[in-house]
Amino acid sequence: MPFRRACSLDDLWEGEMSLVKVEDDEVLLVHLEGAEVLAFDPRCPHQGWSLAEGALDGTILTCGMHGWEFDVRSGEGVNPAGCRLTRYPVEKRGDDVFVDVLEGES
């Protein structure tokens, strides 16, 4: 599946995350300090709660429902360990962000 446009970099500030629609799929975008953009399945692997309702503190994403924590640089669970977010490939083309939701890895 080809990459599909998710948003403009103007729509996603460094240090923030945002839930976006990529055609029929919801994707959680995280814009790390230093301009790296990451994309994830927006559901917590614990019980499917929307991670967009959680909090991002640096590189740690905390689910708002039960407090599970993930390091967005790797997608690995911090608390508890042994779980992982599904991460999607991202390409930046100029000022636009593109995501391939079918090539996600968990």
Protein backbone atom coordinates (compact mmCIF):
# COMPACT_ATOMS: atom_id res chain seq x y z
CA MET A 1 0.00 0.00 0.00
CA PRO A 2 1.42 3.39 -0.86
CA PHE A 3 2.05 6.13 1.63
CA ARG A 4 -0.93 8.44 2.13
CA ARG A 5 -0.91 12.06 3.23
CA ALA A 6 -1.66 12.50 6.94
CA CYS A 7 -1.14 16.23 7.52
CA SER A 8 1.09 19.23 7.05
CA LEU A 9 3.94 19.85 9.50
CA ASP A 10 2.20 23.17 10.24
CA ASP A 11 -0.65 21.12 11.78
CA LEU A 12 1.63 19.24 14.18
CA TRP A 13 3.99 21.19 16.43
CA GLU A 14 7.21 19.75 17.83
CA GLY A 15 6.62 18.12 21.21
CA GLU A 16 2.96 17.42 20.48
CA MET A 17 0.81 14.54 19.30
CA SER A 18 -2.36 14.52 17.25
CA LEU A 19 -5.00 12.05 16.12
CA VAL A 20 -5.50 12.32 12.35
CA LYS A 21 -7.52 10.54 9.67
CA VAL A 22 -5.53 8.95 6.88
CA GLU A 23 -8.31 8.11 4.45
CA ASP A 24 -10.34 5.53 6.45
CA ASP A 25 -7.79 4.96 9.22
CA GLU A 26 -7.08 6.85 12.42
CA VAL A 27 -3.39 7.42 13.17
CA LEU A 28 -1.66 8.95 16.17
CA LEU A 29 1.16 11.25 15.06
CA VAL A 30 3.92 12.27 17.46
CA HIS A 31 6.25 15.12 16.53
CA LEU A 32 9.40 14.78 18.62
CA GLU A 33 11.73 17.66 19.39
CA GLY A 34 14.24 17.84 16.55
CA ALA A 35 11.60 17.36 13.83
CA GLU A 36 11.22 13.54 13.82
CA VAL A 37 7.60 12.49 13.20
CA LEU A 38 6.36 9.07 14.29
CA ALA A 39 3.03 7.36 13.58
CA PHE A 40 1.19 4.74 15.62
CA ASP A 41 -2.04 2.80 15.84
CA PRO A 42 -3.91 5.12 18.21
CA ARG A 43 -5.26 2.33 20.44
CA CYS A 44 -3.53 1.24 23.62
CA PRO A 45 -2.64 -2.47 23.37
CA HIS A 46 -4.03 -2.98 26.89
CA GLN A 47 -7.75 -2.39 26.28
CA GLY A 48 -7.96 -0.36 23.09
CA TRP A 49 -8.36 3.04 24.77
CA SER A 50 -7.48 6.02 22.56
CA LEU A 51 -3.90 7.08 23.21
CA ALA A 52 -4.82 10.53 21.91
CA GLU A 53 -6.59 11.03 25.25
CA GLY A 54 -3.32 10.36 27.06
CA ALA A 55 -0.32 12.57 27.69
CA LEU A 56 3.03 13.00 25.97
CA ASP A 57 5.96 14.02 28.19
CA GLY A 58 9.11 14.20 26.08
CA THR A 59 9.32 10.71 24.59
CA ILE A 60 6.98 8.98 27.07
CA LEU A 61 3.36 8.51 26.03
CA THR A 62 1.00 7.64 28.89
CA CYS A 63 -2.42 6.12 28.24
CA GLY A 64 -5.12 8.20 29.91
CA MET A 65 -7.19 5.18 30.97
CA HIS A 66 -4.89 2.94 33.01
CA GLY A 67 -1.57 4.79 32.96
CA TRP A 68 0.39 2.40 30.73
CA GLU A 69 3.56 4.11 29.48
CA PHE A 70 5.37 3.75 26.16
CA ASP A 71 8.65 5.11 24.82
CA VAL A 72 7.62 6.51 21.44
CA ARG A 73 11.17 6.30 20.08
CA SER A 74 10.91 2.51 20.07
CA GLY A 75 7.21 1.85 20.73
CA GLU A 76 8.24 -0.38 23.65
CA GLY A 77 6.27 -0.47 26.87
CA VAL A 78 7.99 1.21 29.82
CA ASN A 79 5.36 0.39 32.43
CA PRO A 80 4.58 -2.40 32.01
CA ALA A 81 7.42 -3.81 29.94
CA GLY A 82 6.73 -6.56 27.43
CA CYS A 83 4.12 -4.71 25.40
CA ARG A 84 4.54 -2.60 22.29
CA LEU A 85 2.72 -0.02 20.15
CA THR A 86 2.09 -0.70 16.48
CA ARG A 87 4.25 1.78 14.58
CA TYR A 88 3.68 2.87 10.98
CA PRO A 89 6.32 4.02 8.50
CA VAL A 90 6.45 7.78 7.97
CA GLU A 91 7.83 9.88 5.14
CA LYS A 92 8.18 13.65 5.12
CA ARG A 93 7.83 15.21 1.69
CA GLY A 94 8.46 18.90 1.88
CA ASP A 95 6.06 20.17 4.56
CA ASP A 96 3.72 17.17 4.33
CA VAL A 97 3.67 13.98 6.41
CA PHE A 98 2.77 10.68 4.74
CA VAL A 99 1.99 7.39 6.53
CA ASP A 100 1.70 3.77 5.36
CA VAL A 101 -0.80 2.16 7.76
CA LEU A 102 -0.60 -1.29 6.16
CA GLU A 103 3.12 -1.65 6.85
CA GLY A 104 2.81 -1.26 10.61
CA GLU A 105 5.07 -3.28 12.85
CA SER A 106 4.26 -4.27 16.39
